[in-house]
Every structure is written in structure tokens, then in C-alpha cells.
């Protein structure tokens, strides 16, 4: 009995797929769907030293460049483009931050891996979105693969690794 090529190819692709839960960037996911620990690249650590960005430095950022000043925003799993509202170290306001959003857990997780200053080249960084008082918690009407948040601004914090 001959197996159709499409079925054979599909079987090979399925068997060759990794069996662990990881994202496109290779970040292992916890059981609740949030990203696990991840080291900052040596290059990002070097660039952050050069830019005088230290662990704990922070500035406000519009979480989604397409939803600035919205009272409620919808974020989806995957890439995100954010914008600094204030200067952070030598990164000036309006610097674009590029990273990844995870919405599977009880709170939204955003990690930024690149910064693009208005008059410069993209550079690697390590930063996370933080808000106190549970404000990164998804609203109950959020659906799988997305999160609705009250407000469109969070603090972008420089980190030396993602925990």
C-alpha cells in the first residue's frame, strides 16, 4: 500500500517537531503558559552598559504603539512595538521598544529585546513591563490568546535576566 506524499510529509514534520512547550524565540513556558527564565544575551548586557542603562532603571512606555492613550487595550500573544514616554538612561523619549507578549497566565508578560532610538540603529536590550497593584492582570472578558488591560501605559524596567 502506497502512502500519499502529503500524508508522509505531514507525518515527518509532526515527528520532527519539538515536544516541549517553547515559543518561537526558544523561551520555555511554565505550566500556566507564562514564559520561564531566560538569560540576556552578552551583547545586550554590553550595549546596556555602554548606554548607561542599569538594572532597575525605568521609564514609562506606551505598551502598544497602535493603542496610545486608550483607556483599555487589547494585547495579543506575539510581537509588540512599544514607545518610551520618558527618557531612560541615554534612550530618549519616543524610542521604540520591540519585544514579545504572553497572555496565557493570569497577568500579561511583556519582554523587550530591542530598542530603536529615533536617530539611531536598533540595539539589543533586556527590559520588562511592570505595574504595581495588579494592573498587568487580564480583565475577565479577555479571550484565549489575548488580554484586555485597563490603561495603555506601564513602566519599562531594565533587567539583567528574565525570571
Protein backbone atom coordinates (compact mmCIF):
# COMPACT_ATOMS: atom_id res chain seq x y z
CA UNK A 1 0.00 0.00 0.00
CA UNK A 2 1.44 3.37 -1.03
CA UNK A 3 1.23 6.34 1.34
CA UNK A 4 0.30 9.66 -0.31
CA UNK A 5 3.17 12.17 -0.33
CA UNK A 6 1.20 14.82 1.59
CA UNK A 7 0.41 12.39 4.41
CA UNK A 8 4.03 11.20 4.55
CA UNK A 9 5.37 14.77 4.61
CA UNK A 10 2.90 15.76 7.35
CA UNK A 11 3.95 12.77 9.44
CA UNK A 12 7.64 13.61 9.06
CA UNK A 13 7.03 17.25 10.04
CA UNK A 14 4.96 16.23 13.06
CA UNK A 15 7.55 13.72 14.27
CA UNK A 16 10.35 16.23 13.76
CA UNK A 17 8.60 18.95 15.80
CA UNK A 18 9.96 19.57 19.29
CA UNK A 19 7.85 18.03 22.02
CA UNK A 20 8.48 20.66 24.74
CA UNK A 21 6.44 23.82 25.08
CA UNK A 22 8.59 26.64 23.80
CA UNK A 23 7.88 29.86 21.97
CA UNK A 24 9.32 30.89 18.63
CA UNK A 25 12.25 32.53 20.45
CA UNK A 26 13.05 29.35 22.32
CA UNK A 27 11.67 30.50 25.68
CA UNK A 28 10.38 27.59 27.77
CA UNK A 29 6.85 28.06 29.03
CA UNK A 30 5.64 27.35 32.55
CA UNK A 31 2.52 25.20 33.08
CA UNK A 32 0.33 28.33 33.24
CA UNK A 33 1.64 29.48 29.82
CA UNK A 34 3.87 32.28 31.11
CA UNK A 35 7.47 32.41 29.91
CA UNK A 36 10.14 30.81 32.05
CA UNK A 37 13.56 32.19 32.94
CA UNK A 38 15.74 33.48 30.13
CA UNK A 39 19.24 34.95 30.13
CA UNK A 40 20.01 38.28 28.50
CA UNK A 41 22.46 37.98 25.65
CA UNK A 42 26.05 39.03 26.28
CA UNK A 43 25.61 41.62 23.54
CA UNK A 44 22.54 43.14 25.24
CA UNK A 45 24.41 43.35 28.56
CA UNK A 46 27.36 45.04 26.81
CA UNK A 47 25.13 47.52 24.96
CA UNK A 48 23.20 48.38 28.13
CA UNK A 49 26.49 49.13 29.93
CA UNK A 50 27.54 51.36 27.04
CA UNK A 51 24.16 53.16 27.12
CA UNK A 52 24.47 53.55 30.91
CA UNK A 53 21.31 51.50 31.48
CA UNK A 54 21.47 49.79 34.85
CA UNK A 55 19.27 47.10 36.36
CA UNK A 56 16.25 48.84 37.85
CA UNK A 57 16.35 51.87 35.56
CA UNK A 58 12.81 52.54 34.39
CA UNK A 59 10.66 54.84 32.30
CA UNK A 60 7.02 54.92 31.33
CA UNK A 61 6.14 53.38 27.98
CA UNK A 62 3.05 53.20 25.82
CA UNK A 63 2.59 49.43 25.65
CA UNK A 64 1.25 49.27 22.10
CA UNK A 65 2.23 51.88 19.51
CA UNK A 66 -1.17 51.39 17.87
CA UNK A 67 -3.21 52.00 21.05
CA UNK A 68 -1.64 55.09 22.62
CA UNK A 69 -3.78 56.82 25.28
CA UNK A 70 -6.53 54.20 25.09
CA UNK A 71 -8.48 53.60 28.30
CA UNK A 72 -8.47 49.85 27.63
CA UNK A 73 -6.14 48.00 25.30
CA UNK A 74 -6.18 44.55 23.75
CA UNK A 75 -2.85 42.74 23.55
CA UNK A 76 -2.27 39.52 21.62
CA UNK A 77 0.34 36.81 22.02
CA UNK A 78 3.33 37.60 19.84
CA UNK A 79 5.46 40.58 18.85
CA UNK A 80 4.85 44.05 20.25
CA UNK A 81 6.07 47.56 19.45
CA UNK A 82 6.05 49.99 22.36
CA UNK A 83 7.19 53.60 22.74
CA UNK A 84 9.08 55.22 25.62
CA UNK A 85 7.21 58.22 27.02
CA UNK A 86 10.20 59.40 29.07
CA UNK A 87 13.97 59.25 28.75
CA UNK A 88 15.65 56.14 30.17
CA UNK A 89 19.41 56.47 30.51
CA UNK A 90 20.63 57.61 27.13
CA UNK A 91 17.50 56.30 25.39
CA UNK A 92 15.29 59.29 24.80
CA UNK A 93 11.51 59.53 24.81
CA UNK A 94 9.96 58.20 21.55
CA UNK A 95 12.48 55.34 21.42
CA UNK A 96 10.69 52.26 20.08
CA UNK A 97 10.89 49.04 22.11
CA UNK A 98 10.40 45.70 20.36
CA UNK A 99 9.61 42.51 22.16
CA UNK A 100 7.18 39.71 22.89
CA UNK A 101 3.82 39.43 24.71
CA UNK A 102 2.48 36.37 26.53
CA UNK A 103 -1.17 36.39 27.65
CA UNK A 104 -1.72 32.80 28.83
CA UNK A 105 -1.15 33.34 32.55
CA UNK A 106 -3.20 35.44 34.96
CA UNK A 107 -1.14 38.53 34.09
CA UNK A 108 0.27 39.79 30.82
CA UNK A 109 4.04 39.35 30.45
CA UNK A 110 5.98 41.66 28.14
CA UNK A 111 9.70 41.32 27.49
CA UNK A 112 11.52 43.79 25.28
CA UNK A 113 14.64 42.64 23.43
CA UNK A 114 15.46 45.65 21.22
CA UNK A 115 15.37 49.44 21.41
CA UNK A 116 15.31 51.72 18.38
CA UNK A 117 16.20 55.33 19.27
CA UNK A 118 14.68 57.99 16.99
CA UNK A 119 18.03 58.90 15.38
CA UNK A 120 19.92 55.65 15.77
CA UNK A 121 20.14 51.98 14.99
CA UNK A 122 18.31 49.19 16.76
CA UNK A 123 20.24 47.87 19.75
CA UNK A 124 19.70 44.80 21.94
CA UNK A 125 18.37 45.38 25.47
CA UNK A 126 16.63 43.42 28.21
CA UNK A 127 13.57 45.06 29.76
CA UNK A 128 10.19 44.05 31.15
CA UNK A 129 6.81 45.76 31.60
CA UNK A 130 5.76 46.27 35.21
CA UNK A 131 2.86 47.89 37.01
CA UNK A 132 2.05 47.72 40.69
CA UNK A 133 -1.34 46.98 42.20
CA UNK A 134 -2.04 44.05 39.86
CA UNK A 135 -2.54 46.32 36.87
CA UNK A 136 -0.99 43.86 34.40
CA UNK A 137 -3.75 41.37 35.35
CA UNK A 138 -6.03 40.46 32.47
CA UNK A 139 -9.63 41.60 32.69
CA UNK A 140 -12.23 38.80 32.94
CA UNK A 141 -13.56 39.41 29.41
CA UNK A 142 -10.14 38.51 27.91
CA UNK A 143 -10.25 35.57 25.49
CA UNK A 144 -7.59 32.87 24.90
CA UNK A 145 -4.54 34.26 23.08
CA UNK A 146 -5.29 37.85 24.06
CA UNK A 147 -5.65 40.07 27.09
CA UNK A 148 -7.61 43.21 27.80
CA UNK A 149 -5.91 45.63 30.20
CA UNK A 150 -7.14 48.79 31.86
CA UNK A 151 -4.83 51.52 30.60
CA UNK A 152 -2.18 51.66 27.92
CA UNK A 153 0.96 52.60 29.90
CA UNK A 154 3.40 50.60 32.04
CA UNK A 155 6.92 51.05 33.32
CA UNK A 156 9.72 49.56 31.22
CA UNK A 157 12.34 48.19 33.65
CA UNK A 158 15.89 47.24 32.68
CA UNK A 159 16.83 43.71 33.82
CA UNK A 160 19.95 41.56 33.57
CA UNK A 161 17.93 38.36 33.02
CA UNK A 162 14.29 37.42 32.69
CA UNK A 163 12.93 35.47 35.67
